[in-house]
Amino acid sequence: DAQSGVISSINADAAFTRRLGEMGFTAGERVECICR
């Protein structure tokens, strides 16, 4: 929680990778874990 990182790669099929990309999860993007 409250830790962030930069996406380096997505290990999934093209459809799932595209779906994540549409939500802002792309290589080079900073992502923060808010809570579980």
Full PDB file with SEQRES, HELIX, SHEET, SSBOND, CRYST1, ORIGX, SCALE, CONECT and MASTER records, all heavy atoms in Angstrom:
SEQRES   1 A   36  ASP ALA GLN SER GLY VAL ILE SER SER ILE ASN ALA ASP          
SEQRES   2 A   36  ALA ALA PHE THR ARG ARG LEU GLY GLU MET GLY PHE THR          
SEQRES   3 A   36  ALA GLY GLU ARG VAL GLU CYS ILE CYS ARG                      
HELIX    1 AA1 ALA A   14  GLU A   22  1                                   9    
SHEET    1 AA1 2 SER A   4  VAL A   6  0                                        
SHEET    2 AA1 2 ARG A  30  GLU A  32 -1                                        
CRYST1    1.000    1.000    1.000  90.00  90.00  90.00 P 1           1          
ORIGX1      1.000000  0.000000  0.000000        0.00000                         
ORIGX2      0.000000  1.000000  0.000000        0.00000                         
ORIGX3      0.000000  0.000000  1.000000        0.00000                         
SCALE1      1.000000  0.000000  0.000000        0.00000                         
SCALE2      0.000000  1.000000  0.000000        0.00000                         
SCALE3      0.000000  0.000000  1.000000        0.00000                         
ATOM      1  N   ASP A   1       0.836  -1.198   0.000  1.00  0.00           N  
ATOM      2  CA  ASP A   1       0.000   0.000   0.000  1.00  0.00           C  
ATOM      3  C   ASP A   1       0.872   1.249   0.000  1.00  0.00           C  
ATOM      4  O   ASP A   1       1.877   1.307   0.706  1.00  0.00           O  
ATOM      5  CB  ASP A   1      -0.919   0.027   1.221  1.00  0.00           C  
ATOM      6  CG  ASP A   1      -2.027  -1.017   1.147  1.00  0.00           C  
ATOM      7  OD1 ASP A   1      -2.152  -1.685   0.106  1.00  0.00           O  
ATOM      8  OD2 ASP A   1      -2.767  -1.161   2.133  1.00  0.00           O  
ATOM      9  N   ALA A   2       0.504   2.224  -0.812  1.00  0.00           N  
ATOM     10  CA  ALA A   2       1.193   3.514  -0.967  1.00  0.00           C  
ATOM     11  C   ALA A   2       2.559   3.391  -1.639  1.00  0.00           C  
ATOM     12  O   ALA A   2       3.304   4.347  -1.691  1.00  0.00           O  
ATOM     13  CB  ALA A   2       1.325   4.236   0.368  1.00  0.00           C  
ATOM     14  N   GLN A   3       2.889   2.239  -2.177  1.00  0.00           N  
ATOM     15  CA  GLN A   3       4.147   2.049  -2.894  1.00  0.00           C  
ATOM     16  C   GLN A   3       3.872   2.187  -4.391  1.00  0.00           C  
ATOM     17  O   GLN A   3       2.814   1.794  -4.875  1.00  0.00           O  
ATOM     18  CB  GLN A   3       4.727   0.674  -2.593  1.00  0.00           C  
ATOM     19  CG  GLN A   3       6.108   0.438  -3.150  1.00  0.00           C  
ATOM     20  CD  GLN A   3       6.660  -0.925  -2.737  1.00  0.00           C  
ATOM     21  OE1 GLN A   3       5.907  -1.846  -2.449  1.00  0.00           O  
ATOM     22  NE2 GLN A   3       7.967  -1.036  -2.724  1.00  0.00           N  
ATOM     23  N   SER A   4       4.828   2.745  -5.114  1.00  0.00           N  
ATOM     24  CA  SER A   4       4.630   2.904  -6.547  1.00  0.00           C  
ATOM     25  C   SER A   4       5.789   2.295  -7.311  1.00  0.00           C  
ATOM     26  O   SER A   4       6.865   2.052  -6.762  1.00  0.00           O  
ATOM     27  CB  SER A   4       4.459   4.373  -6.911  1.00  0.00           C  
ATOM     28  OG  SER A   4       5.633   5.090  -6.625  1.00  0.00           O  
ATOM     29  N   GLY A   5       5.547   2.048  -8.591  1.00  0.00           N  
ATOM     30  CA  GLY A   5       6.559   1.498  -9.468  1.00  0.00           C  
ATOM     31  C   GLY A   5       6.260   1.883 -10.896  1.00  0.00           C  
ATOM     32  O   GLY A   5       5.178   2.388 -11.205  1.00  0.00           O  
ATOM     33  N   VAL A   6       7.212   1.626 -11.768  1.00  0.00           N  
ATOM     34  CA  VAL A   6       7.060   1.918 -13.187  1.00  0.00           C  
ATOM     35  C   VAL A   6       6.892   0.596 -13.925  1.00  0.00           C  
ATOM     36  O   VAL A   6       7.678  -0.338 -13.727  1.00  0.00           O  
ATOM     37  CB  VAL A   6       8.288   2.688 -13.720  1.00  0.00           C  
ATOM     38  CG1 VAL A   6       8.173   2.917 -15.217  1.00  0.00           C  
ATOM     39  CG2 VAL A   6       8.440   4.006 -12.991  1.00  0.00           C  
ATOM     40  N   ILE A   7       5.883   0.523 -14.773  1.00  0.00           N  
ATOM     41  CA  ILE A   7       5.613  -0.708 -15.520  1.00  0.00           C  
ATOM     42  C   ILE A   7       6.748  -0.943 -16.507  1.00  0.00           C  
ATOM     43  O   ILE A   7       7.077  -0.066 -17.309  1.00  0.00           O  
ATOM     44  CB  ILE A   7       4.265  -0.615 -16.255  1.00  0.00           C  
ATOM     45  CG1 ILE A   7       3.133  -0.489 -15.234  1.00  0.00           C  
ATOM     46  CG2 ILE A   7       4.060  -1.825 -17.154  1.00  0.00           C  
ATOM     47  CD1 ILE A   7       1.768  -0.254 -15.845  1.00  0.00           C  
ATOM     48  N   SER A   8       7.333  -2.142 -16.436  1.00  0.00           N  
ATOM     49  CA  SER A   8       8.409  -2.484 -17.364  1.00  0.00           C  
ATOM     50  C   SER A   8       7.920  -3.403 -18.479  1.00  0.00           C  
ATOM     51  O   SER A   8       8.406  -3.315 -19.609  1.00  0.00           O  
ATOM     52  CB  SER A   8       9.587  -3.110 -16.617  1.00  0.00           C  
ATOM     53  OG  SER A   8       9.177  -4.235 -15.894  1.00  0.00           O  
ATOM     54  N   SER A   9       6.957  -4.280 -18.177  1.00  0.00           N  
ATOM     55  CA  SER A   9       6.394  -5.148 -19.216  1.00  0.00           C  
ATOM     56  C   SER A   9       5.086  -5.755 -18.737  1.00  0.00           C  
ATOM     57  O   SER A   9       4.805  -5.801 -17.538  1.00  0.00           O  
ATOM     58  CB  SER A   9       7.377  -6.260 -19.590  1.00  0.00           C  
ATOM     59  OG  SER A   9       7.560  -7.142 -18.494  1.00  0.00           O  
ATOM     60  N   ILE A  10       4.307  -6.218 -19.703  1.00  0.00           N  
ATOM     61  CA  ILE A  10       3.048  -6.912 -19.412  1.00  0.00           C  
ATOM     62  C   ILE A  10       3.136  -8.268 -20.076  1.00  0.00           C  
ATOM     63  O   ILE A  10       3.317  -8.364 -21.298  1.00  0.00           O  
ATOM     64  CB  ILE A  10       1.836  -6.115 -19.927  1.00  0.00           C  
ATOM     65  CG1 ILE A  10       1.775  -4.758 -19.234  1.00  0.00           C  
ATOM     66  CG2 ILE A  10       0.548  -6.902 -19.699  1.00  0.00           C  
ATOM     67  CD1 ILE A  10       0.723  -3.821 -19.759  1.00  0.00           C  
ATOM     68  N   ASN A  11       3.036  -9.321 -19.285  1.00  0.00           N  
ATOM     69  CA  ASN A  11       3.170 -10.686 -19.778  1.00  0.00           C  
ATOM     70  C   ASN A  11       1.788 -11.304 -19.955  1.00  0.00           C  
ATOM     71  O   ASN A  11       1.321 -12.066 -19.122  1.00  0.00           O  
ATOM     72  CB  ASN A  11       4.004 -11.519 -18.804  1.00  0.00           C  
ATOM     73  CG  ASN A  11       5.347 -10.886 -18.540  1.00  0.00           C  
ATOM     74  OD1 ASN A  11       6.025 -10.480 -19.476  1.00  0.00           O  
ATOM     75  ND2 ASN A  11       5.732 -10.781 -17.289  1.00  0.00           N  
ATOM     76  N   ALA A  12       1.123 -10.957 -21.067  1.00  0.00           N  
ATOM     77  CA  ALA A  12      -0.224 -11.440 -21.321  1.00  0.00           C  
ATOM     78  C   ALA A  12      -0.484 -11.443 -22.821  1.00  0.00           C  
ATOM     79  O   ALA A  12       0.318 -10.928 -23.606  1.00  0.00           O  
ATOM     80  CB  ALA A  12      -1.229 -10.548 -20.614  1.00  0.00           C  
ATOM     81  N   ASP A  13      -1.624 -11.997 -23.197  1.00  0.00           N  
ATOM     82  CA  ASP A  13      -1.983 -11.996 -24.614  1.00  0.00           C  
ATOM     83  C   ASP A  13      -2.333 -10.581 -25.071  1.00  0.00           C  
ATOM     84  O   ASP A  13      -2.492  -9.666 -24.265  1.00  0.00           O  
ATOM     85  CB  ASP A  13      -3.131 -12.963 -24.884  1.00  0.00           C  
ATOM     86  CG  ASP A  13      -4.397 -12.634 -24.102  1.00  0.00           C  
ATOM     87  OD1 ASP A  13      -4.743 -11.437 -23.995  1.00  0.00           O  
ATOM     88  OD2 ASP A  13      -5.044 -13.566 -23.613  1.00  0.00           O  
ATOM     89  N   ALA A  14      -2.438 -10.412 -26.371  1.00  0.00           N  
ATOM     90  CA  ALA A  14      -2.645  -9.082 -26.955  1.00  0.00           C  
ATOM     91  C   ALA A  14      -3.936  -8.426 -26.475  1.00  0.00           C  
ATOM     92  O   ALA A  14      -3.958  -7.226 -26.207  1.00  0.00           O  
ATOM     93  CB  ALA A  14      -2.635  -9.180 -28.478  1.00  0.00           C  
ATOM     94  N   ALA A  15      -4.999  -9.186 -26.344  1.00  0.00           N  
ATOM     95  CA  ALA A  15      -6.288  -8.610 -25.931  1.00  0.00           C  
ATOM     96  C   ALA A  15      -6.216  -8.069 -24.507  1.00  0.00           C  
ATOM     97  O   ALA A  15      -6.702  -6.962 -24.223  1.00  0.00           O  
ATOM     98  CB  ALA A  15      -7.394  -9.653 -26.042  1.00  0.00           C  
ATOM     99  N   PHE A  16      -5.602  -8.820 -23.606  1.00  0.00           N  
ATOM    100  CA  PHE A  16      -5.494  -8.379 -22.216  1.00  0.00           C  
ATOM    101  C   PHE A  16      -4.552  -7.178 -22.104  1.00  0.00           C  
ATOM    102  O   PHE A  16      -4.828  -6.226 -21.388  1.00  0.00           O  
ATOM    103  CB  PHE A  16      -5.014  -9.525 -21.321  1.00  0.00           C  
ATOM    104  CG  PHE A  16      -4.976  -9.168 -19.871  1.00  0.00           C  
ATOM    105  CD1 PHE A  16      -6.149  -8.982 -19.165  1.00  0.00           C  
ATOM    106  CD2 PHE A  16      -3.773  -8.991 -19.211  1.00  0.00           C  
ATOM    107  CE1 PHE A  16      -6.125  -8.642 -17.819  1.00  0.00           C  
ATOM    108  CE2 PHE A  16      -3.739  -8.657 -17.872  1.00  0.00           C  
ATOM    109  CZ  PHE A  16      -4.922  -8.486 -17.181  1.00  0.00           C  
ATOM    110  N   THR A  17      -3.454  -7.214 -22.856  1.00  0.00           N  
ATOM    111  CA  THR A  17      -2.514  -6.094 -22.857  1.00  0.00           C  
ATOM    112  C   THR A  17      -3.192  -4.831 -23.373  1.00  0.00           C  
ATOM    113  O   THR A  17      -3.002  -3.746 -22.817  1.00  0.00           O  
ATOM    114  CB  THR A  17      -1.281  -6.438 -23.718  1.00  0.00           C  
ATOM    115  OG1 THR A  17      -0.657  -7.612 -23.188  1.00  0.00           O  
ATOM    116  CG2 THR A  17      -0.280  -5.304 -23.738  1.00  0.00           C  
ATOM    117  N   ARG A  18      -4.001  -4.955 -24.406  1.00  0.00           N  
ATOM    118  CA  ARG A  18      -4.734  -3.807 -24.951  1.00  0.00           C  
ATOM    119  C   ARG A  18      -5.729  -3.275 -23.922  1.00  0.00           C  
ATOM    120  O   ARG A  18      -5.851  -2.072 -23.723  1.00  0.00           O  
ATOM    121  CB  ARG A  18      -5.439  -4.185 -26.241  1.00  0.00           C  
ATOM    122  CG  ARG A  18      -6.132  -3.017 -26.927  1.00  0.00           C  
ATOM    123  CD  ARG A  18      -6.759  -3.371 -28.277  1.00  0.00           C  
ATOM    124  NE  ARG A  18      -7.616  -4.544 -28.221  1.00  0.00           N  
ATOM    125  CZ  ARG A  18      -7.323  -5.739 -28.755  1.00  0.00           C  
ATOM    126  NH1 ARG A  18      -6.182  -5.920 -29.379  1.00  0.00           N  
ATOM    127  NH2 ARG A  18      -8.168  -6.748 -28.663  1.00  0.00           N  
ATOM    128  N   ARG A  19      -6.431  -4.172 -23.251  1.00  0.00           N  
ATOM    129  CA  ARG A  19      -7.398  -3.759 -22.234  1.00  0.00           C  
ATOM    130  C   ARG A  19      -6.717  -2.993 -21.102  1.00  0.00           C  
ATOM    131  O   ARG A  19      -7.200  -1.948 -20.659  1.00  0.00           O  
ATOM    132  CB  ARG A  19      -8.132  -4.976 -21.670  1.00  0.00           C  
ATOM    133  CG  ARG A  19      -9.319  -4.588 -20.817  1.00  0.00           C  
ATOM    134  CD  ARG A  19     -10.098  -5.803 -20.375  1.00  0.00           C  
ATOM    135  NE  ARG A  19      -9.877  -5.935 -18.947  1.00  0.00           N  
ATOM    136  CZ  ARG A  19      -9.757  -7.061 -18.291  1.00  0.00           C  
ATOM    137  NH1 ARG A  19      -9.837  -8.197 -18.897  1.00  0.00           N  
ATOM    138  NH2 ARG A  19      -9.558  -7.064 -16.999  1.00  0.00           N  
ATOM    139  N   LEU A  20      -5.576  -3.493 -20.643  1.00  0.00           N  
ATOM    140  CA  LEU A  20      -4.829  -2.786 -19.602  1.00  0.00           C  
ATOM    141  C   LEU A  20      -4.355  -1.428 -20.102  1.00  0.00           C  
ATOM    142  O   LEU A  20      -4.399  -0.436 -19.374  1.00  0.00           O  
ATOM    143  CB  LEU A  20      -3.633  -3.614 -19.135  1.00  0.00           C  
ATOM    144  CG  LEU A  20      -3.938  -4.797 -18.231  1.00  0.00           C  
ATOM    145  CD1 LEU A  20      -2.652  -5.551 -17.903  1.00  0.00           C  
ATOM    146  CD2 LEU A  20      -4.620  -4.372 -16.960  1.00  0.00           C  
ATOM    147  N   GLY A  21      -3.903  -1.384 -21.349  1.00  0.00           N  
ATOM    148  CA  GLY A  21      -3.448  -0.125 -21.929  1.00  0.00           C  
ATOM    149  C   GLY A  21      -4.548   0.920 -21.976  1.00  0.00           C  
ATOM    150  O   GLY A  21      -4.313   2.106 -21.747  1.00  0.00           O  
ATOM    151  N   GLU A  22      -5.761   0.500 -22.249  1.00  0.00           N  
ATOM    152  CA  GLU A  22      -6.898   1.415 -22.280  1.00  0.00           C  
ATOM    153  C   GLU A  22      -7.194   1.991 -20.898  1.00  0.00           C  
ATOM    154  O   GLU A  22      -7.780   3.066 -20.782  1.00  0.00           O  
ATOM    155  CB  GLU A  22      -8.126   0.710 -22.831  1.00  0.00           C  
ATOM    156  CG  GLU A  22      -8.013   0.394 -24.310  1.00  0.00           C  
ATOM    157  CD  GLU A  22      -9.101  -0.529 -24.815  1.00  0.00           C  
ATOM    158  OE1 GLU A  22      -9.902  -1.046 -24.001  1.00  0.00           O  
ATOM    159  OE2 GLU A  22      -9.153  -0.750 -26.042  1.00  0.00           O  
ATOM    160  N   MET A  23      -6.763   1.291 -19.853  1.00  0.00           N  
ATOM    161  CA  MET A  23      -6.970   1.765 -18.483  1.00  0.00           C  
ATOM    162  C   MET A  23      -5.755   2.531 -17.952  1.00  0.00           C  
ATOM    163  O   MET A  23      -5.734   2.931 -16.798  1.00  0.00           O  
ATOM    164  CB  MET A  23      -7.279   0.582 -17.557  1.00  0.00           C  
ATOM    165  CG  MET A  23      -8.602  -0.083 -17.842  1.00  0.00           C  
ATOM    166  SD  MET A  23      -9.030  -1.354 -16.641  1.00  0.00           S  
ATOM    167  CE  MET A  23      -7.962  -2.691 -17.132  1.00  0.00           C  
ATOM    168  N   GLY A  24      -4.737   2.704 -18.788  1.00  0.00           N  
ATOM    169  CA  GLY A  24      -3.577   3.474 -18.378  1.00  0.00           C  
ATOM    170  C   GLY A  24      -2.373   2.658 -17.955  1.00  0.00           C  
ATOM    171  O   GLY A  24      -1.364   3.216 -17.527  1.00  0.00           O  
ATOM    172  N   PHE A  25      -2.447   1.351 -18.080  1.00  0.00           N  
ATOM    173  CA  PHE A  25      -1.340   0.478 -17.681  1.00  0.00           C  
ATOM    174  C   PHE A  25      -0.502   0.149 -18.918  1.00  0.00           C  
ATOM    175  O   PHE A  25      -0.748  -0.833 -19.610  1.00  0.00           O  
ATOM    176  CB  PHE A  25      -1.878  -0.801 -17.037  1.00  0.00           C  
ATOM    177  CG  PHE A  25      -2.524  -0.573 -15.707  1.00  0.00           C  
ATOM    178  CD1 PHE A  25      -3.832  -0.127 -15.621  1.00  0.00           C  
ATOM    179  CD2 PHE A  25      -1.821  -0.781 -14.535  1.00  0.00           C  
ATOM    180  CE1 PHE A  25      -4.437   0.093 -14.396  1.00  0.00           C  
ATOM    181  CE2 PHE A  25      -2.415  -0.560 -13.299  1.00  0.00           C  
ATOM    182  CZ  PHE A  25      -3.720  -0.120 -13.231  1.00  0.00           C  
ATOM    183  N   THR A  26       0.488   1.006 -19.189  1.00  0.00           N  
ATOM    184  CA  THR A  26       1.380   0.809 -20.328  1.00  0.00           C  
ATOM    185  C   THR A  26       2.828   0.871 -19.841  1.00  0.00           C  
ATOM    186  O   THR A  26       3.110   1.434 -18.784  1.00  0.00           O  
ATOM    187  CB  THR A  26       1.150   1.901 -21.400  1.00  0.00           C  
ATOM    188  OG1 THR A  26       1.331   3.181 -20.797  1.00  0.00           O  
ATOM    189  CG2 THR A  26      -0.237   1.813 -22.000  1.00  0.00           C  
ATOM    190  N   ALA A  27       3.712   0.305 -20.625  1.00  0.00           N  
ATOM    191  CA  ALA A  27       5.137   0.316 -20.269  1.00  0.00           C  
ATOM    192  C   ALA A  27       5.616   1.755 -20.096  1.00  0.00           C  
ATOM    193  O   ALA A  27       5.282   2.636 -20.880  1.00  0.00           O  
ATOM    194  CB  ALA A  27       5.948  -0.393 -21.340  1.00  0.00           C  
ATOM    195  N   GLY A  28       6.364   1.983 -19.017  1.00  0.00           N  
ATOM    196  CA  GLY A  28       6.885   3.310 -18.716  1.00  0.00           C  
ATOM    197  C   GLY A  28       5.973   4.150 -17.833  1.00  0.00           C  
ATOM    198  O   GLY A  28       6.378   5.206 -17.364  1.00  0.00           O  
ATOM    199  N   GLU A  29       4.771   3.690 -17.589  1.00  0.00           N  
ATOM    200  CA  GLU A  29       3.811   4.442 -16.776  1.00  0.00           C  
ATOM    201  C   GLU A  29       4.010   4.144 -15.288  1.00  0.00           C  
ATOM    202  O   GLU A  29       4.193   3.002 -14.890  1.00  0.00           O  
ATOM    203  CB  GLU A  29       2.381   4.076 -17.182  1.00  0.00           C  
ATOM    204  CG  GLU A  29       1.312   4.903 -16.516  1.00  0.00           C  
ATOM    205  CD  GLU A  29       1.404   6.373 -16.880  1.00  0.00           C  
ATOM    206  OE1 GLU A  29       1.715   6.691 -18.042  1.00  0.00           O  
ATOM    207  OE2 GLU A  29       1.187   7.197 -15.979  1.00  0.00           O  
ATOM    208  N   ARG A  30       3.964   5.194 -14.455  1.00  0.00           N  
ATOM    209  CA  ARG A  30       4.066   5.024 -13.000  1.00  0.00           C  
ATOM    210  C   ARG A  30       2.700   4.636 -12.456  1.00  0.00           C  
ATOM    211  O   ARG A  30       1.682   5.236 -12.791  1.00  0.00           O  
ATOM    212  CB  ARG A  30       4.542   6.309 -12.331  1.00  0.00           C  
ATOM    213  CG  ARG A  30       4.640   6.168 -10.806  1.00  0.00           C  
ATOM    214  CD  ARG A  30       5.511   7.218 -10.176  1.00  0.00           C  
ATOM    215  NE  ARG A  30       6.912   7.116 -10.553  1.00  0.00           N  
ATOM    216  CZ  ARG A  30       7.780   6.261 -10.008  1.00  0.00           C  
ATOM    217  NH1 ARG A  30       7.392   5.437  -9.072  1.00  0.00           N  
ATOM    218  NH2 ARG A  30       9.041   6.249 -10.385  1.00  0.00           N  
ATOM    219  N   VAL A  31       2.678   3.605 -11.602  1.00  0.00           N  
ATOM    220  CA  VAL A  31       1.449   3.093 -10.999  1.00  0.00           C  
ATOM    221  C   VAL A  31       1.652   3.016  -9.494  1.00  0.00           C  
ATOM    222  O   VAL A  31       2.705   2.587  -9.017  1.00  0.00           O  
ATOM    223  CB  VAL A  31       1.111   1.687 -11.546  1.00  0.00           C  
ATOM    224  CG1 VAL A  31      -0.126   1.127 -10.885  1.00  0.00           C  
ATOM    225  CG2 VAL A  31       0.937   1.734 -13.044  1.00  0.00           C  
ATOM    226  N   GLU A  32       0.632   3.428  -8.741  1.00  0.00           N  
ATOM    227  CA  GLU A  32       0.688   3.381  -7.281  1.00  0.00           C  
ATOM    228  C   GLU A  32      -0.368   2.421  -6.755  1.00  0.00           C  
ATOM    229  O   GLU A  32      -1.504   2.434  -7.211  1.00  0.00           O  
ATOM    230  CB  GLU A  32       0.454   4.765  -6.695  1.00  0.00           C  
ATOM    231  CG  GLU A  32       0.516   4.784  -5.178  1.00  0.00           C  
ATOM    232  CD  GLU A  32       0.256   6.157  -4.587  1.00  0.00           C  
ATOM    233  OE1 GLU A  32       0.045   7.122  -5.344  1.00  0.00           O  
ATOM    234  OE2 GLU A  32       0.253   6.253  -3.355  1.00  0.00           O  
ATOM    235  N   CYS A  33       0.025   1.600  -5.789  1.00  0.00           N  
ATOM    236  CA  CYS A  33      -0.922   0.720  -5.108  1.00  0.00           C  
ATOM    237  C   CYS A  33      -1.620   1.547  -4.033  1.00  0.00           C  
ATOM    238  O   CYS A  33      -0.977   2.069  -3.130  1.00  0.00           O  
ATOM    239  CB  CYS A  33      -0.182  -0.460  -4.484  1.00  0.00           C  
ATOM    240  SG  CYS A  33      -1.262  -1.574  -3.563  1.00  0.00           S  
ATOM    241  N   ILE A  34      -2.921   1.672  -4.147  1.00  0.00           N  
ATOM    242  CA  ILE A  34      -3.691   2.468  -3.191  1.00  0.00           C  
ATOM    243  C   ILE A  34      -4.072   1.628  -1.974  1.00  0.00           C  
ATOM    244  O   ILE A  34      -3.771   1.989  -0.847  1.00  0.00           O  
ATOM    245  CB  ILE A  34      -4.959   3.049  -3.844  1.00  0.00           C  
ATOM    246  CG1 ILE A  34      -4.607   3.882  -5.082  1.00  0.00           C  
ATOM    247  CG2 ILE A  34      -5.758   3.872  -2.846  1.00  0.00           C  
ATOM    248  CD1 ILE A  34      -3.751   5.078  -4.806  1.00  0.00           C  
ATOM    249  N   CYS A  35      -4.735   0.504  -2.209  1.00  0.00           N  
ATOM    250  CA  CYS A  35      -5.106  -0.382  -1.095  1.00  0.00           C  
ATOM    251  C   CYS A  35      -5.557  -1.739  -1.628  1.00  0.00           C  
ATOM    252  O   CYS A  35      -5.864  -1.890  -2.795  1.00  0.00           O  
ATOM    253  CB  CYS A  35      -6.202   0.244  -0.229  1.00  0.00           C  
ATOM    254  SG  CYS A  35      -7.776   0.446  -1.050  1.00  0.00           S  
ATOM    255  N   ARG A  36      -5.584  -2.691  -0.728  1.00  0.00           N  
ATOM    256  CA  ARG A  36      -6.033  -4.050  -1.046  1.00  0.00           C  
ATOM    257  C   ARG A  36      -7.351  -4.318  -0.334  1.00  0.00           C  
ATOM    258  O   ARG A  36      -7.620  -3.752   0.714  1.00  0.00           O  
ATOM    259  CB  ARG A  36      -5.014  -5.081  -0.550  1.00  0.00           C  
ATOM    260  CG  ARG A  36      -3.683  -4.955  -1.215  1.00  0.00           C  
ATOM    261  CD  ARG A  36      -2.654  -5.866  -0.542  1.00  0.00           C  
ATOM    262  NE  ARG A  36      -1.375  -5.721  -1.204  1.00  0.00           N  
ATOM    263  CZ  ARG A  36      -1.005  -6.450  -2.252  1.00  0.00           C  
ATOM    264  NH1 ARG A  36      -1.800  -7.380  -2.701  1.00  0.00           N  
ATOM    265  NH2 ARG A  36       0.158  -6.249  -2.821  1.00  0.00           N  
TER     266      ARG A  36                                                      
MASTER        0    0    0    1    2    0    0    6  265    1    0    3          
END                                                                             
